[in-house]
Structures are given as C-alpha cells and as structure tokens.
Protein backbone atom coordinates (compact mmCIF):
# COMPACT_ATOMS: atom_id res chain seq x y z
CA MET A 1 66.92 28.22 -57.02
CA GLU A 2 67.25 27.64 -53.33
CA THR A 3 65.92 30.26 -51.01
CA LYS A 4 67.66 30.67 -47.68
CA MET A 5 65.63 31.72 -44.66
CA THR A 6 67.21 34.45 -42.61
CA ASP A 7 66.04 36.48 -39.63
CA SER A 8 64.81 39.23 -41.94
CA THR A 9 62.88 36.86 -44.18
CA GLU A 10 59.11 37.20 -43.79
CA ARG A 11 57.46 33.96 -42.82
CA PRO A 12 53.83 33.24 -43.66
CA SER A 13 51.79 33.98 -40.59
CA LYS A 14 49.45 31.30 -39.18
CA ASN A 15 46.05 32.42 -38.04
CA LEU A 16 45.96 30.28 -34.90
CA ARG A 17 43.00 32.20 -33.51
CA ARG A 18 40.70 31.22 -36.36
CA ARG A 19 38.75 28.15 -35.38
CA ARG A 20 36.45 26.04 -37.42
CA PRO A 21 32.86 26.72 -36.43
CA LEU A 22 31.38 24.01 -34.28
CA GLY A 23 28.81 21.78 -35.89
CA THR A 24 30.40 21.88 -39.37
CA THR A 25 32.17 19.31 -41.41
CA THR A 26 35.06 19.60 -43.77
CA ASP A 27 32.60 19.49 -46.66
CA GLY A 28 30.96 22.70 -45.51
CA PHE A 29 27.68 21.03 -44.57
CA ALA A 30 26.30 21.39 -41.08
CA ARG A 31 26.89 18.38 -38.90
CA GLY A 32 23.95 16.00 -39.00
CA GLN A 33 22.61 17.38 -42.32
CA ALA A 34 22.63 16.07 -45.86
CA LYS A 35 23.38 18.07 -49.01
CA ASP A 36 19.72 18.98 -49.47
CA GLY A 37 19.56 20.44 -45.96
CA GLY A 38 17.60 17.52 -44.50
CA THR A 39 18.71 15.73 -41.39
CA LEU A 40 20.63 12.49 -41.60
CA SER A 41 18.12 10.78 -39.32
CA ALA A 42 15.32 11.70 -41.74
CA LEU A 43 17.43 10.48 -44.65
CA ARG A 44 18.01 7.16 -42.92
CA ARG A 45 14.30 6.85 -42.20
CA GLU A 46 13.54 7.37 -45.90
CA GLN A 47 16.13 4.80 -46.94
CA THR A 48 15.47 2.04 -44.41
CA GLY A 49 11.92 2.76 -43.26
CA ARG A 50 12.96 3.11 -39.63
CA SER A 51 14.70 5.64 -37.44
CA LYS A 52 18.10 5.23 -35.90
CA PRO A 53 17.89 3.20 -32.69
CA SER A 54 19.25 6.06 -30.61
CA VAL A 55 16.68 8.48 -32.06
CA ALA A 56 13.80 6.06 -31.46
CA ALA A 57 14.94 5.52 -27.87
CA SER A 58 15.14 9.24 -27.13
CA GLN A 59 11.71 9.84 -28.65
CA ALA A 60 10.22 7.07 -26.51
CA LEU A 61 11.59 8.68 -23.37
CA VAL A 62 10.01 12.06 -24.03
CA ARG A 63 6.79 10.75 -25.57
CA GLY A 64 3.68 12.04 -23.85
CA SER A 65 3.26 15.02 -21.59
CA ALA A 66 6.40 15.61 -19.63
CA THR A 67 5.13 17.34 -16.50
CA LYS A 68 7.29 18.25 -13.56
CA ARG A 69 6.24 16.45 -10.44
CA LYS A 70 6.82 17.58 -6.91
CA TRP A 71 7.77 14.41 -5.11
CA GLY A 72 8.61 15.97 -1.77
CA PRO A 73 10.73 14.17 0.82
CA GLN A 74 11.49 10.59 -0.17
CA VAL A 75 9.91 8.84 2.82
CA ALA A 76 8.71 5.26 2.72
CA PRO A 77 4.92 5.07 3.06
CA GLU A 78 3.66 3.79 6.38
CA ARG A 79 1.47 0.72 6.18
CA GLU A 80 -1.72 0.93 8.15
CA PRO A 81 -1.74 -2.09 10.48
CA ALA A 82 -4.56 -4.56 9.93
CA GLU A 83 -6.82 -5.56 12.81
CA PRO A 84 -5.23 -9.02 13.26
CA ASP A 85 -1.87 -7.27 13.82
CA ARG A 86 -3.20 -5.07 16.64
CA SER A 87 -4.42 -5.76 20.14
CA VAL A 88 -5.29 -4.00 23.38
CA ARG A 89 -2.77 -4.65 26.13
CA LEU A 90 -4.19 -4.60 29.64
CA ARG A 91 -1.77 -4.21 32.53
CA LEU A 92 -3.45 -5.60 35.61
CA GLN A 93 -2.87 -5.46 39.33
CA VAL A 94 -4.06 -8.25 41.59
CA ARG A 95 -4.49 -7.26 45.22
CA ARG A 96 -6.15 -9.50 47.77
CA GLY A 97 -8.40 -11.19 45.26
CA ARG A 98 -9.38 -8.06 43.31
CA ILE A 99 -8.23 -7.25 39.76
CA THR A 100 -7.87 -3.63 38.65
CA VAL A 101 -6.66 -2.20 35.34
CA LEU A 102 -3.54 -0.11 35.87
CA ASP A 103 -3.33 1.03 32.25
CA SER A 104 -4.20 -0.08 28.73
CA ALA A 105 -3.03 0.73 25.23
CA VAL A 106 -3.45 -0.35 21.63
CA VAL A 107 -0.23 -2.09 20.58
CA GLU A 108 1.01 -3.13 17.13
CA ALA A 109 1.21 -6.79 18.11
CA PRO A 110 -1.34 -9.57 17.77
CA ALA A 111 -3.01 -11.27 20.70
CA ALA A 112 -2.08 -14.84 21.50
CA ASP A 113 -3.65 -17.26 19.03
CA ASP A 114 -2.59 -20.65 20.34
CA ALA A 115 -4.82 -23.64 19.64
CA GLU A 116 -4.60 -24.81 23.25
CA VAL A 117 -3.36 -23.67 26.65
CA ARG A 118 -1.78 -25.79 29.37
CA GLY A 119 -1.39 -25.27 33.08
CA SER A 120 -3.27 -25.08 36.33
CA ALA A 121 -3.89 -21.31 36.55
CA PHE A 122 -5.53 -19.21 33.85
CA LEU A 123 -6.25 -15.52 33.26
CA GLU A 124 -9.54 -15.03 31.43
CA VAL A 125 -11.16 -11.96 29.83
CA ARG A 126 -14.87 -12.21 29.04
CA ALA A 127 -17.31 -10.05 27.08
CA GLY A 128 -20.59 -10.91 28.73
CA ASP A 129 -20.43 -14.70 28.99
CA GLN A 130 -18.10 -15.15 26.00
CA VAL A 131 -14.36 -15.63 26.53
CA ILE A 132 -12.34 -13.33 24.23
CA ALA A 133 -8.85 -13.84 25.70
CA LEU A 134 -7.28 -16.68 27.69
CA GLN A 135 -3.73 -17.30 28.79
CA PRO A 136 -2.03 -19.55 31.35
CA LEU A 137 -0.25 -18.15 34.39
CA ILE A 138 2.80 -19.72 35.99
CA ASP A 139 2.87 -19.54 39.78
CA PRO A 140 0.56 -16.52 40.00
CA GLY A 141 1.30 -14.32 42.99
CA LEU A 142 4.30 -16.36 44.08
CA SER A 143 7.76 -14.88 44.59
CA ILE A 144 10.39 -17.61 44.42
CA GLY A 145 13.92 -17.01 45.63
CA ILE A 146 16.81 -19.17 44.40
CA PRO A 147 19.65 -20.02 46.79
CA ASP A 148 22.85 -18.03 46.35
CA PRO A 149 26.03 -20.09 46.82
CA ALA A 150 27.63 -17.03 48.40
CA ASP A 151 25.13 -17.10 51.27
CA SER A 152 25.93 -19.11 54.34
CA SER A 153 23.78 -22.11 55.16
CA ASP A 154 22.35 -20.25 58.15
CA ASP A 155 21.24 -17.23 56.09
CA PHE A 156 19.48 -19.05 53.27
CA ARG A 157 18.59 -22.71 53.00
CA GLY A 158 16.79 -24.02 49.93
CA HIS A 159 14.23 -22.14 47.84
CA ARG A 160 12.21 -19.40 49.46
CA VAL A 161 8.58 -19.11 48.32
CA VAL A 162 6.53 -16.06 49.30
CA ARG A 163 2.92 -15.46 48.28
CA GLU A 164 2.61 -11.76 47.47
CA SER A 165 -0.52 -9.86 48.47
CA THR A 166 -0.08 -7.52 45.48
CA TRP A 167 1.32 -8.49 42.09
CA GLU A 168 0.98 -7.56 38.42
CA THR A 169 0.37 -9.31 35.13
CA ALA A 170 -0.73 -8.42 31.59
CA ILE A 171 -2.83 -9.82 28.76
CA ARG A 172 -3.52 -8.80 25.15
CA VAL A 173 -7.08 -8.77 23.80
CA PRO A 174 -7.84 -8.78 20.03
CA VAL A 175 -9.07 -5.41 18.77
CA GLY A 176 -11.74 -7.08 16.66
CA ALA A 177 -13.29 -8.71 19.74
CA LEU A 178 -13.99 -5.27 21.24
CA ALA A 179 -15.69 -3.75 18.18
CA THR A 180 -19.26 -4.55 19.26
CA ILE A 181 -19.10 -4.26 23.05
CA ALA A 182 -18.87 -1.60 25.72
CA PRO A 183 -16.20 -1.43 28.45
CA SER A 184 -18.80 -2.30 31.08
CA ASP A 185 -19.38 -5.63 29.32
CA LEU A 186 -15.84 -6.80 30.14
CA SER A 187 -14.89 -8.88 33.17
CA ILE A 188 -11.58 -10.46 34.16
CA SER A 189 -10.97 -13.52 36.34
CA ILE A 190 -8.11 -15.75 37.43
CA PHE A 191 -8.97 -19.41 37.95
CA GLU A 192 -6.91 -22.22 39.48
CA ALA A 193 -7.54 -25.87 38.63
CA PRO A 194 -6.76 -28.67 41.10
CA GLU A 195 -4.43 -30.29 38.55
CA HIS A 196 -2.64 -29.62 35.29
CA VAL A 197 -5.14 -29.42 32.41
CA VAL A 198 -5.12 -28.80 28.66
CA LEU A 199 -7.86 -26.51 27.33
CA ASP A 200 -9.04 -25.35 23.93
CA ALA A 201 -7.79 -21.76 23.76
CA ARG A 202 -10.35 -20.76 21.11
CA SER A 203 -13.43 -21.91 22.98
CA SER A 204 -15.88 -19.19 24.04
CA ARG A 205 -16.78 -21.07 27.25
CA SER A 206 -15.36 -19.98 30.58
CA VAL A 207 -12.76 -22.06 32.38
CA ALA A 208 -15.17 -22.33 35.31
CA SER A 209 -17.64 -24.24 33.13
CA ARG A 210 -15.02 -26.56 31.61
CA VAL A 211 -12.99 -27.64 34.63
CA ARG A 212 -14.37 -29.17 37.80
CA SER A 213 -13.58 -27.79 41.22
CA VAL A 214 -11.84 -24.63 40.02
CA THR A 215 -10.95 -21.93 42.51
CA THR A 216 -11.40 -18.25 41.69
CA LEU A 217 -8.19 -16.58 42.81
CA ALA A 218 -9.21 -13.06 41.75
CA SER A 219 -11.85 -11.21 39.75
CA SER A 220 -12.56 -7.67 38.58
CA SER A 221 -15.45 -5.40 39.25
CA GLN A 222 -17.28 -3.58 36.46
CA LEU A 223 -14.69 -1.93 34.24
CA ARG A 224 -14.89 1.80 33.62
CA ALA A 225 -14.58 3.53 30.26
CA ARG A 226 -11.49 5.41 31.44
CA ASP A 227 -9.76 2.10 32.14
CA LEU A 228 -9.60 1.30 28.43
CA PRO A 229 -8.38 3.07 25.28
CA GLU A 230 -10.80 5.15 23.24
CA GLY A 231 -11.79 4.27 19.70
CA VAL A 232 -11.74 0.48 20.00
CA PHE A 233 -15.27 -0.04 21.32
CA GLY A 234 -18.12 0.08 18.83
CA GLY A 235 -21.05 -1.21 20.87
CA THR A 236 -23.21 0.42 23.51
CA GLY A 237 -23.86 -2.53 25.81
CA ARG A 238 -25.03 -1.49 29.23
CA LYS A 239 -24.97 2.16 30.22
CA ARG A 240 -21.42 3.35 30.37
CA PRO A 241 -20.29 4.94 33.61
CA SER A 242 -19.45 8.62 33.37
CA ARG A 243 -15.83 9.67 33.38
CA GLU A 244 -14.58 10.76 36.74
CA PRO A 245 -11.90 13.40 37.12
C-alpha cells in the first residue's frame, strides 16, 4: 500500500542539534583506546616491542626537566678584542722641532706590523732605548701645491712647495708593548736619512744607530701621564709626573 505524503502528514523529525561526542568512534570506544581500555600506543608497544615513531619523538622532546628560561633581549654577544687587535693611537703635533701629544686613545685596530719600512724619513717611538713603533713619513712638514689649469701662468707656475712650521701626524703603538712601562719611559723622534733606505721594522734598535749621518728633525720631551690613556701602562718606570689641572 502506497502512502502519500501531504502537508498534514507528520514527518520524522531529525535531531540536528545532537552531535557525536568528540573523541569517540563509531564502535563506542574512546578514540585512541582499545577494547580493554588501554591506549593504542601501549598496545602497539606490546605487539612490536617499540613505540610509534611519533610518540617516541614527542617523548624525546620533553625528556628531562623542562624549565622556562628567561632569555632576555636577543642581542649578539660582544667579543672582547684581543691585545693584538688593539693599539694606542697617538696624534702628534710637530712645531719647530718639538713633538707634543695632542691626544691619544685606545683603538680597535692593530698597529703596523710590516716586516720592513722604506723611505728617507721615519717616525720612531721608543720605550727607554727599545723601539716599539716605527713608520715611514712621506715629505714630513711639506705642503705641496699642484698647479690648477684654471690659473693663469702668472698666478701659479709649477708646483709650490712650502715647509710648514707646524704640522700633524699620527702613529699607532701596540698595547702589549706598553704593559710593563710608564708614560715617562716613552720618547718620540723623527729622523731623516740622507738617502732612501730599507730598514727592518721589527728591530728594537733606533734608526739613529742603524743609519749613518741621520738628521733629527724633531723630538719629544718627557711625556706626561695625562698625555696617554689610562689602563694600558702596567709598569712603574721612573717617577710619574703628577697630573696638572
């Protein structure tokens, strides 16, 4: 017998609001559990003798004491410079044959470490009678002007060379060379050789004792403690002069 559906016919209602509880299977067993209530991972371990790879990996990650660390700002650590990477830079003024220290500072750059130096003029720093820094100078105290094509021939002809009465230069001294001396042990000189020479830059002997007929262009008086940075001198040497205001 065929039943016809009309507007007055009652239709079976669907309970759309009823949802299957999460974590269950169609068999009525909780997800991840066997019939005896044990976990599937434990069942696999009993059957094969080893855990599931995913379970073993997760256990390895949390193995040990998981403590919360306070890392703070993620800033790259600063490397403490080694002594060979540091030097004391002396800025010098030469005025009428006298050398004075204008300022000095510890810089994160090594001193010159060439095997030899070439030239006819040399700037030398000594600790007592031992040379601790040596560098060549090119045309010390000379101001050389180059002709400008825009100038007329009457205004400027050829190169113009002027010897300055006051000029500046600089030299870097290894920090390690100052560790056992006092500022008063240091002396600075500028020598000029009669011809171009090649010298051993690592020799402790002064240029004056290695080259004949050298001329002393300028020299310093006894250096004062305030002329040099603090913390780089480890020796006592002669009595240090007191700081002047």
